[in-house]
Amino acid sequence: MCADVELPIIADKLEGYSGADITNVCRDASMMAMRRRIQGLTPEEIRNLDKNDLEMPTTMADFKLALTKVSKSVSKDDLEKHEKWMKEFGAS
């Protein structure tokens, strides 16, 4: 991860995302650098890349772009229902 990545800002933007949604954002962001590296290459050129050529840091821009692609899968209404249920019945 690059030094420009500001985790508190990313965390704020992930408000209301499920754990699976957050995983998808992180996975997508982490793949951005590799996608940039292989863009325009032929399959043969990609196969011939050294593994170290694909180990590139994830940037804040990668997270911002991933956040535009990955939507929340849980609605605000669903979260409110869950919170109400937890208040009424508690954790198991």
PDB file of N, CA and C in Angstrom:
ATOM      1  N   MET A   1       0.846  -1.156   0.000  1.00  0.00           N
ATOM      2  CA  MET A   1       0.000   0.000   0.000  1.00  0.00           C
ATOM      3  C   MET A   1       0.899   1.229   0.000  1.00  0.00           C
ATOM      4  N   CYS A   2       0.515   2.234  -0.767  1.00  0.00           N
ATOM      5  CA  CYS A   2       1.272   3.479  -0.858  1.00  0.00           C
ATOM      6  C   CYS A   2       1.088   4.339   0.379  1.00  0.00           C
ATOM      7  N   ALA A   3       2.036   5.224   0.583  1.00  0.00           N
ATOM      8  CA  ALA A   3       1.963   6.145   1.714  1.00  0.00           C
ATOM      9  C   ALA A   3       0.797   7.117   1.573  1.00  0.00           C
ATOM     10  N   ASP A   4       0.302   7.313   0.328  1.00  0.00           N
ATOM     11  CA  ASP A   4      -0.798   8.275   0.131  1.00  0.00           C
ATOM     12  C   ASP A   4      -2.156   7.726   0.545  1.00  0.00           C
ATOM     13  N   VAL A   5      -2.228   6.448   0.885  1.00  0.00           N
ATOM     14  CA  VAL A   5      -3.502   5.838   1.273  1.00  0.00           C
ATOM     15  C   VAL A   5      -3.869   6.308   2.677  1.00  0.00           C
ATOM     16  N   GLU A   6      -5.031   6.941   2.784  1.00  0.00           N
ATOM     17  CA  GLU A   6      -5.506   7.468   4.058  1.00  0.00           C
ATOM     18  C   GLU A   6      -6.663   6.595   4.543  1.00  0.00           C
ATOM     19  N   LEU A   7      -6.342   5.641   5.399  1.00  0.00           N
ATOM     20  CA  LEU A   7      -7.331   4.674   5.867  1.00  0.00           C
ATOM     21  C   LEU A   7      -8.540   5.302   6.561  1.00  0.00           C
ATOM     22  N   PRO A   8      -8.376   6.363   7.373  1.00  0.00           N
ATOM     23  CA  PRO A   8      -9.572   6.962   7.985  1.00  0.00           C
ATOM     24  C   PRO A   8     -10.556   7.515   6.943  1.00  0.00           C
ATOM     25  N   ILE A   9     -10.047   8.066   5.859  1.00  0.00           N
ATOM     26  CA  ILE A   9     -10.923   8.579   4.797  1.00  0.00           C
ATOM     27  C   ILE A   9     -11.638   7.429   4.110  1.00  0.00           C
ATOM     28  N   ILE A  10     -10.908   6.362   3.822  1.00  0.00           N
ATOM     29  CA  ILE A  10     -11.521   5.187   3.192  1.00  0.00           C
ATOM     30  C   ILE A  10     -12.579   4.600   4.116  1.00  0.00           C
ATOM     31  N   ALA A  11     -12.258   4.504   5.397  1.00  0.00           N
ATOM     32  CA  ALA A  11     -13.216   3.954   6.374  1.00  0.00           C
ATOM     33  C   ALA A  11     -14.500   4.777   6.395  1.00  0.00           C
ATOM     34  N   ASP A  12     -14.374   6.100   6.349  1.00  0.00           N
ATOM     35  CA  ASP A  12     -15.566   6.957   6.325  1.00  0.00           C
ATOM     36  C   ASP A  12     -16.416   6.687   5.092  1.00  0.00           C
ATOM     37  N   LYS A  13     -15.762   6.481   3.966  1.00  0.00           N
ATOM     38  CA  LYS A  13     -16.485   6.235   2.712  1.00  0.00           C
ATOM     39  C   LYS A  13     -17.158   4.860   2.696  1.00  0.00           C
ATOM     40  N   LEU A  14     -16.687   3.958   3.550  1.00  0.00           N
ATOM     41  CA  LEU A  14     -17.240   2.607   3.603  1.00  0.00           C
ATOM     42  C   LEU A  14     -18.385   2.475   4.613  1.00  0.00           C
ATOM     43  N   GLU A  15     -18.812   3.571   5.180  1.00  0.00           N
ATOM     44  CA  GLU A  15     -19.925   3.552   6.134  1.00  0.00           C
ATOM     45  C   GLU A  15     -21.148   2.896   5.490  1.00  0.00           C
ATOM     46  N   GLY A  16     -21.701   1.896   6.148  1.00  0.00           N
ATOM     47  CA  GLY A  16     -22.884   1.207   5.631  1.00  0.00           C
ATOM     48  C   GLY A  16     -22.579   0.043   4.699  1.00  0.00           C
ATOM     49  N   TYR A  17     -21.311  -0.176   4.358  1.00  0.00           N
ATOM     50  CA  TYR A  17     -20.935  -1.320   3.525  1.00  0.00           C
ATOM     51  C   TYR A  17     -20.870  -2.568   4.408  1.00  0.00           C
ATOM     52  N   SER A  18     -21.233  -3.702   3.860  1.00  0.00           N
ATOM     53  CA  SER A  18     -21.106  -4.963   4.599  1.00  0.00           C
ATOM     54  C   SER A  18     -19.643  -5.408   4.576  1.00  0.00           C
ATOM     55  N   GLY A  19     -19.337  -6.405   5.383  1.00  0.00           N
ATOM     56  CA  GLY A  19     -17.980  -6.955   5.371  1.00  0.00           C
ATOM     57  C   GLY A  19     -17.593  -7.472   3.989  1.00  0.00           C
ATOM     58  N   ALA A  20     -18.537  -8.127   3.324  1.00  0.00           N
ATOM     59  CA  ALA A  20     -18.274  -8.641   1.966  1.00  0.00           C
ATOM     60  C   ALA A  20     -18.054  -7.491   0.992  1.00  0.00           C
ATOM     61  N   ASP A  21     -18.822  -6.409   1.148  1.00  0.00           N
ATOM     62  CA  ASP A  21     -18.650  -5.241   0.283  1.00  0.00           C
ATOM     63  C   ASP A  21     -17.256  -4.642   0.460  1.00  0.00           C
ATOM     64  N   ILE A  22     -16.819  -4.531   1.712  1.00  0.00           N
ATOM     65  CA  ILE A  22     -15.497  -3.977   1.999  1.00  0.00           C
ATOM     66  C   ILE A  22     -14.409  -4.865   1.403  1.00  0.00           C
ATOM     67  N   THR A  23     -14.594  -6.170   1.510  1.00  0.00           N
ATOM     68  CA  THR A  23     -13.646  -7.103   0.901  1.00  0.00           C
ATOM     69  C   THR A  23     -13.561  -6.858  -0.608  1.00  0.00           C
ATOM     70  N   ASN A  24     -14.715  -6.662  -1.243  1.00  0.00           N
ATOM     71  CA  ASN A  24     -14.739  -6.424  -2.689  1.00  0.00           C
ATOM     72  C   ASN A  24     -14.049  -5.116  -3.057  1.00  0.00           C
ATOM     73  N   VAL A  25     -14.249  -4.069  -2.258  1.00  0.00           N
ATOM     74  CA  VAL A  25     -13.580  -2.788  -2.521  1.00  0.00           C
ATOM     75  C   VAL A  25     -12.065  -2.973  -2.424  1.00  0.00           C
ATOM     76  N   CYS A  26     -11.611  -3.622  -1.364  1.00  0.00           N
ATOM     77  CA  CYS A  26     -10.175  -3.832  -1.168  1.00  0.00           C
ATOM     78  C   CYS A  26      -9.575  -4.706  -2.269  1.00  0.00           C
ATOM     79  N   ARG A  27     -10.289  -5.749  -2.645  1.00  0.00           N
ATOM     80  CA  ARG A  27      -9.800  -6.634  -3.701  1.00  0.00           C
ATOM     81  C   ARG A  27      -9.694  -5.876  -5.025  1.00  0.00           C
ATOM     82  N   ASP A  28     -10.741  -5.115  -5.345  1.00  0.00           N
ATOM     83  CA  ASP A  28     -10.743  -4.367  -6.598  1.00  0.00           C
ATOM     84  C   ASP A  28      -9.620  -3.329  -6.602  1.00  0.00           C
ATOM     85  N   ALA A  29      -9.459  -2.610  -5.492  1.00  0.00           N
ATOM     86  CA  ALA A  29      -8.394  -1.606  -5.401  1.00  0.00           C
ATOM     87  C   ALA A  29      -7.022  -2.251  -5.562  1.00  0.00           C
ATOM     88  N   SER A  30      -6.827  -3.406  -4.947  1.00  0.00           N
ATOM     89  CA  SER A  30      -5.522  -4.063  -5.012  1.00  0.00           C
ATOM     90  C   SER A  30      -5.188  -4.571  -6.411  1.00  0.00           C
ATOM     91  N   MET A  31      -6.211  -4.808  -7.228  1.00  0.00           N
ATOM     92  CA  MET A  31      -5.983  -5.292  -8.595  1.00  0.00           C
ATOM     93  C   MET A  31      -5.738  -4.155  -9.586  1.00  0.00           C
ATOM     94  N   MET A  32      -6.027  -2.913  -9.204  1.00  0.00           N
ATOM     95  CA  MET A  32      -5.908  -1.775 -10.120  1.00  0.00           C
ATOM     96  C   MET A  32      -4.495  -1.613 -10.673  1.00  0.00           C
ATOM     97  N   ALA A  33      -3.495  -1.704  -9.807  1.00  0.00           N
ATOM     98  CA  ALA A  33      -2.111  -1.530 -10.255  1.00  0.00           C
ATOM     99  C   ALA A  33      -1.736  -2.598 -11.276  1.00  0.00           C
ATOM    100  N   MET A  34      -2.144  -3.836 -11.018  1.00  0.00           N
ATOM    101  CA  MET A  34      -1.838  -4.897 -11.966  1.00  0.00           C
ATOM    102  C   MET A  34      -2.540  -4.643 -13.299  1.00  0.00           C
ATOM    103  N   ARG A  35      -3.789  -4.199 -13.232  1.00  0.00           N
ATOM    104  CA  ARG A  35      -4.511  -3.905 -14.474  1.00  0.00           C
ATOM    105  C   ARG A  35      -3.794  -2.823 -15.286  1.00  0.00           C
ATOM    106  N   ARG A  36      -3.291  -1.794 -14.571  1.00  0.00           N
ATOM    107  CA  ARG A  36      -2.538  -0.745 -15.277  1.00  0.00           C
ATOM    108  C   ARG A  36      -1.280  -1.326 -15.911  1.00  0.00           C
ATOM    109  N   ARG A  37      -0.617  -2.223 -15.187  1.00  0.00           N
ATOM    110  CA  ARG A  37       0.651  -2.796 -15.680  1.00  0.00           C
ATOM    111  C   ARG A  37       0.444  -3.642 -16.933  1.00  0.00           C
ATOM    112  N   ILE A  38      -0.673  -4.367 -17.016  1.00  0.00           N
ATOM    113  CA  ILE A  38      -0.867  -5.261 -18.160  1.00  0.00           C
ATOM    114  C   ILE A  38      -1.683  -4.636 -19.286  1.00  0.00           C
ATOM    115  N   GLN A  39      -2.186  -3.424 -19.056  1.00  0.00           N
ATOM    116  CA  GLN A  39      -3.001  -2.763 -20.080  1.00  0.00           C
ATOM    117  C   GLN A  39      -2.213  -2.620 -21.376  1.00  0.00           C
ATOM    118  N   GLY A  40      -2.830  -3.069 -22.445  1.00  0.00           N
ATOM    119  CA  GLY A  40      -2.222  -2.958 -23.769  1.00  0.00           C
ATOM    120  C   GLY A  40      -1.263  -4.079 -24.127  1.00  0.00           C
ATOM    121  N   LEU A  41      -1.008  -4.975 -23.181  1.00  0.00           N
ATOM    122  CA  LEU A  41      -0.100  -6.090 -23.459  1.00  0.00           C
ATOM    123  C   LEU A  41      -0.869  -7.256 -24.068  1.00  0.00           C
ATOM    124  N   THR A  42      -0.183  -8.027 -24.861  1.00  0.00           N
ATOM    125  CA  THR A  42      -0.780  -9.236 -25.418  1.00  0.00           C
ATOM    126  C   THR A  42      -0.757 -10.327 -24.345  1.00  0.00           C
ATOM    127  N   PRO A  43      -1.594 -11.358 -24.507  1.00  0.00           N
ATOM    128  CA  PRO A  43      -1.548 -12.461 -23.537  1.00  0.00           C
ATOM    129  C   PRO A  43      -0.143 -13.055 -23.393  1.00  0.00           C
ATOM    130  N   GLU A  44       0.574 -13.143 -24.482  1.00  0.00           N
ATOM    131  CA  GLU A  44       1.943 -13.686 -24.443  1.00  0.00           C
ATOM    132  C   GLU A  44       2.854 -12.780 -23.612  1.00  0.00           C
ATOM    133  N   GLU A  45       2.740 -11.481 -23.805  1.00  0.00           N
ATOM    134  CA  GLU A  45       3.558 -10.539 -23.030  1.00  0.00           C
ATOM    135  C   GLU A  45       3.210 -10.616 -21.543  1.00  0.00           C
ATOM    136  N   ILE A  46       1.946 -10.785 -21.251  1.00  0.00           N
ATOM    137  CA  ILE A  46       1.516 -10.905 -19.852  1.00  0.00           C
ATOM    138  C   ILE A  46       2.101 -12.163 -19.228  1.00  0.00           C
ATOM    139  N   ARG A  47       2.048 -13.271 -19.962  1.00  0.00           N
ATOM    140  CA  ARG A  47       2.609 -14.534 -19.445  1.00  0.00           C
ATOM    141  C   ARG A  47       4.101 -14.417 -19.188  1.00  0.00           C
ATOM    142  N   ASN A  48       4.788 -13.586 -19.961  1.00  0.00           N
ATOM    143  CA  ASN A  48       6.244 -13.462 -19.834  1.00  0.00           C
ATOM    144  C   ASN A  48       6.682 -12.440 -18.791  1.00  0.00           C
ATOM    145  N   LEU A  49       5.734 -11.748 -18.175  1.00  0.00           N
ATOM    146  CA  LEU A  49       6.097 -10.791 -17.134  1.00  0.00           C
ATOM    147  C   LEU A  49       6.666 -11.519 -15.925  1.00  0.00           C
ATOM    148  N   ASP A  50       7.663 -10.922 -15.330  1.00  0.00           N
ATOM    149  CA  ASP A  50       8.207 -11.445 -14.089  1.00  0.00           C
ATOM    150  C   ASP A  50       7.216 -11.174 -12.962  1.00  0.00           C
ATOM    151  N   LYS A  51       7.106 -12.083 -12.035  1.00  0.00           N
ATOM    152  CA  LYS A  51       6.170 -11.933 -10.914  1.00  0.00           C
ATOM    153  C   LYS A  51       6.390 -10.612 -10.182  1.00  0.00           C
ATOM    154  N   ASN A  52       7.633 -10.206 -10.042  1.00  0.00           N
ATOM    155  CA  ASN A  52       7.953  -8.965  -9.340  1.00  0.00           C
ATOM    156  C   ASN A  52       7.426  -7.730 -10.076  1.00  0.00           C
ATOM    157  N   ASP A  53       7.216  -7.845 -11.387  1.00  0.00           N
ATOM    158  CA  ASP A  53       6.677  -6.725 -12.159  1.00  0.00           C
ATOM    159  C   ASP A  53       5.215  -6.456 -11.824  1.00  0.00           C
ATOM    160  N   LEU A  54       4.559  -7.407 -11.208  1.00  0.00           N
ATOM    161  CA  LEU A  54       3.145  -7.260 -10.881  1.00  0.00           C
ATOM    162  C   LEU A  54       2.914  -6.855  -9.426  1.00  0.00           C
ATOM    163  N   GLU A  55       3.966  -6.790  -8.645  1.00  0.00           N
ATOM    164  CA  GLU A  55       3.843  -6.407  -7.241  1.00  0.00           C
ATOM    165  C   GLU A  55       3.986  -4.899  -7.128  1.00  0.00           C
ATOM    166  N   MET A  56       2.837  -4.226  -7.299  1.00  0.00           N
ATOM    167  CA  MET A  56       2.822  -2.771  -7.264  1.00  0.00           C
ATOM    168  C   MET A  56       1.906  -2.313  -6.129  1.00  0.00           C
ATOM    169  N   PRO A  57       2.247  -1.211  -5.475  1.00  0.00           N
ATOM    170  CA  PRO A  57       1.441  -0.771  -4.331  1.00  0.00           C
ATOM    171  C   PRO A  57       0.063  -0.251  -4.737  1.00  0.00           C
ATOM    172  N   THR A  58      -0.877  -0.389  -3.834  1.00  0.00           N
ATOM    173  CA  THR A  58      -2.232   0.124  -4.023  1.00  0.00           C
ATOM    174  C   THR A  58      -2.237   1.584  -3.572  1.00  0.00           C
ATOM    175  N   THR A  59      -2.829   2.455  -4.396  1.00  0.00           N
ATOM    176  CA  THR A  59      -2.833   3.886  -4.110  1.00  0.00           C
ATOM    177  C   THR A  59      -4.212   4.350  -3.644  1.00  0.00           C
ATOM    178  N   MET A  60      -4.262   5.580  -3.155  1.00  0.00           N
ATOM    179  CA  MET A  60      -5.535   6.175  -2.755  1.00  0.00           C
ATOM    180  C   MET A  60      -6.447   6.277  -3.977  1.00  0.00           C
ATOM    181  N   ALA A  61      -5.881   6.600  -5.134  1.00  0.00           N
ATOM    182  CA  ALA A  61      -6.678   6.676  -6.360  1.00  0.00           C
ATOM    183  C   ALA A  61      -7.301   5.322  -6.693  1.00  0.00           C
ATOM    184  N   ASP A  62      -6.584   4.234  -6.408  1.00  0.00           N
ATOM    185  CA  ASP A  62      -7.118   2.890  -6.634  1.00  0.00           C
ATOM    186  C   ASP A  62      -8.348   2.649  -5.753  1.00  0.00           C
ATOM    187  N   PHE A  63      -8.271   3.069  -4.494  1.00  0.00           N
ATOM    188  CA  PHE A  63      -9.419   2.908  -3.593  1.00  0.00           C
ATOM    189  C   PHE A  63     -10.593   3.770  -4.045  1.00  0.00           C
ATOM    190  N   LYS A  64     -10.308   5.003  -4.444  1.00  0.00           N
ATOM    191  CA  LYS A  64     -11.382   5.892  -4.895  1.00  0.00           C
ATOM    192  C   LYS A  64     -12.085   5.307  -6.112  1.00  0.00           C
ATOM    193  N   LEU A  65     -11.326   4.767  -7.049  1.00  0.00           N
ATOM    194  CA  LEU A  65     -11.923   4.157  -8.235  1.00  0.00           C
ATOM    195  C   LEU A  65     -12.720   2.910  -7.861  1.00  0.00           C
ATOM    196  N   ALA A  66     -12.184   2.096  -6.974  1.00  0.00           N
ATOM    197  CA  ALA A  66     -12.891   0.882  -6.542  1.00  0.00           C
ATOM    198  C   ALA A  66     -14.216   1.249  -5.877  1.00  0.00           C
ATOM    199  N   LEU A  67     -14.233   2.329  -5.119  1.00  0.00           N
ATOM    200  CA  LEU A  67     -15.465   2.757  -4.457  1.00  0.00           C
ATOM    201  C   LEU A  67     -16.534   3.191  -5.458  1.00  0.00           C
ATOM    202  N   THR A  68     -16.127   3.621  -6.643  1.00  0.00           N
ATOM    203  CA  THR A  68     -17.119   3.982  -7.665  1.00  0.00           C
ATOM    204  C   THR A  68     -17.695   2.745  -8.335  1.00  0.00           C
ATOM    205  N   LYS A  69     -16.991   1.634  -8.225  1.00  0.00           N
ATOM    206  CA  LYS A  69     -17.408   0.399  -8.902  1.00  0.00           C
ATOM    207  C   LYS A  69     -18.168  -0.571  -7.998  1.00  0.00           C
ATOM    208  N   VAL A  70     -17.906  -0.518  -6.705  1.00  0.00           N
ATOM    209  CA  VAL A  70     -18.518  -1.458  -5.767  1.00  0.00           C
ATOM    210  C   VAL A  70     -19.586  -0.728  -4.961  1.00  0.00           C
ATOM    211  N   SER A  71     -20.799  -1.178  -5.078  1.00  0.00           N
ATOM    212  CA  SER A  71     -21.916  -0.550  -4.361  1.00  0.00           C
ATOM    213  C   SER A  71     -22.223  -1.292  -3.069  1.00  0.00           C
ATOM    214  N   LYS A  72     -22.913  -0.609  -2.183  1.00  0.00           N
ATOM    215  CA  LYS A  72     -23.376  -1.240  -0.952  1.00  0.00           C
ATOM    216  C   LYS A  72     -24.409  -2.300  -1.310  1.00  0.00           C
ATOM    217  N   SER A  73     -24.332  -3.443  -0.680  1.00  0.00           N
ATOM    218  CA  SER A  73     -25.304  -4.497  -0.962  1.00  0.00           C
ATOM    219  C   SER A  73     -26.406  -4.547   0.095  1.00  0.00           C
ATOM    220  N   VAL A  74     -26.242  -3.743   1.152  1.00  0.00           N
ATOM    221  CA  VAL A  74     -27.217  -3.719   2.232  1.00  0.00           C
ATOM    222  C   VAL A  74     -27.813  -2.312   2.276  1.00  0.00           C
ATOM    223  N   SER A  75     -29.141  -2.237   2.261  1.00  0.00           N
ATOM    224  CA  SER A  75     -29.798  -0.932   2.274  1.00  0.00           C
ATOM    225  C   SER A  75     -29.834  -0.354   3.688  1.00  0.00           C
ATOM    226  N   LYS A  76     -30.070   0.940   3.771  1.00  0.00           N
ATOM    227  CA  LYS A  76     -30.200   1.599   5.070  1.00  0.00           C
ATOM    228  C   LYS A  76     -31.374   1.000   5.845  1.00  0.00           C
ATOM    229  N   ASP A  77     -32.445   0.673   5.129  1.00  0.00           N
ATOM    230  CA  ASP A  77     -33.614   0.053   5.758  1.00  0.00           C
ATOM    231  C   ASP A  77     -33.252  -1.294   6.383  1.00  0.00           C
ATOM    232  N   ASP A  78     -32.461  -2.089   5.673  1.00  0.00           N
ATOM    233  CA  ASP A  78     -32.019  -3.384   6.207  1.00  0.00           C
ATOM    234  C   ASP A  78     -31.187  -3.198   7.476  1.00  0.00           C
ATOM    235  N   LEU A  79     -30.304  -2.201   7.459  1.00  0.00           N
ATOM    236  CA  LEU A  79     -29.477  -1.936   8.639  1.00  0.00           C
ATOM    237  C   LEU A  79     -30.339  -1.528   9.829  1.00  0.00           C
ATOM    238  N   GLU A  80     -31.350  -0.702   9.573  1.00  0.00           N
ATOM    239  CA  GLU A  80     -32.245  -0.288  10.653  1.00  0.00           C
ATOM    240  C   GLU A  80     -33.012  -1.482  11.215  1.00  0.00           C
ATOM    241  N   LYS A  81     -33.471  -2.367  10.337  1.00  0.00           N
ATOM    242  CA  LYS A  81     -34.171  -3.577  10.797  1.00  0.00           C
ATOM    243  C   LYS A  81     -33.256  -4.433  11.663  1.00  0.00           C
ATOM    244  N   HIS A  82     -32.007  -4.569  11.246  1.00  0.00           N
ATOM    245  CA  HIS A  82     -31.034  -5.361  12.000  1.00  0.00           C
ATOM    246  C   HIS A  82     -30.788  -4.745  13.371  1.00  0.00           C
ATOM    247  N   GLU A  83     -30.601  -3.428  13.401  1.00  0.00           N
ATOM    248  CA  GLU A  83     -30.361  -2.746  14.671  1.00  0.00           C
ATOM    249  C   GLU A  83     -31.563  -2.898  15.607  1.00  0.00           C
ATOM    250  N   LYS A  84     -32.772  -2.792  15.057  1.00  0.00           N
ATOM    251  CA  LYS A  84     -33.986  -2.956  15.856  1.00  0.00           C
ATOM    252  C   LYS A  84     -34.049  -4.382  16.415  1.00  0.00           C
ATOM    253  N   TRP A  85     -33.752  -5.365  15.588  1.00  0.00           N
ATOM    254  CA  TRP A  85     -33.774  -6.765  16.018  1.00  0.00           C
ATOM    255  C   TRP A  85     -32.747  -6.996  17.134  1.00  0.00           C
ATOM    256  N   MET A  86     -31.541  -6.408  16.950  1.00  0.00           N
ATOM    257  CA  MET A  86     -30.488  -6.575  17.952  1.00  0.00           C
ATOM    258  C   MET A  86     -30.901  -5.958  19.290  1.00  0.00           C
ATOM    259  N   LYS A  87     -31.575  -4.812  19.246  1.00  0.00           N
ATOM    260  CA  LYS A  87     -32.032  -4.175  20.487  1.00  0.00           C
ATOM    261  C   LYS A  87     -33.085  -5.027  21.174  1.00  0.00           C
ATOM    262  N   GLU A  88     -33.944  -5.639  20.365  1.00  0.00           N
ATOM    263  CA  GLU A  88     -35.038  -6.417  20.934  1.00  0.00           C
ATOM    264  C   GLU A  88     -34.589  -7.785  21.424  1.00  0.00           C
ATOM    265  N   PHE A  89     -33.769  -8.470  20.613  1.00  0.00           N
ATOM    266  CA  PHE A  89     -33.423  -9.858  20.920  1.00  0.00           C
ATOM    267  C   PHE A  89     -31.958 -10.058  21.330  1.00  0.00           C
ATOM    268  N   GLY A  90     -31.091  -9.126  20.991  1.00  0.00           N
ATOM    269  CA  GLY A  90     -29.681  -9.242  21.319  1.00  0.00           C
ATOM    270  C   GLY A  90     -28.949 -10.257  20.462  1.00  0.00           C
ATOM    271  N   ALA A  91     -27.698 -10.426  20.752  1.00  0.00           N
ATOM    272  CA  ALA A  91     -26.865 -11.375  20.009  1.00  0.00           C
ATOM    273  C   ALA A  91     -27.126 -12.784  20.508  1.00  0.00           C
ATOM    274  N   SER A  92     -26.880 -13.749  19.650  1.00  0.00           N
ATOM    275  CA  SER A  92     -27.101 -15.141  20.065  1.00  0.00           C
ATOM    276  C   SER A  92     -25.893 -15.697  20.787  1.00  0.00           C
TER     277      SER A  92
END
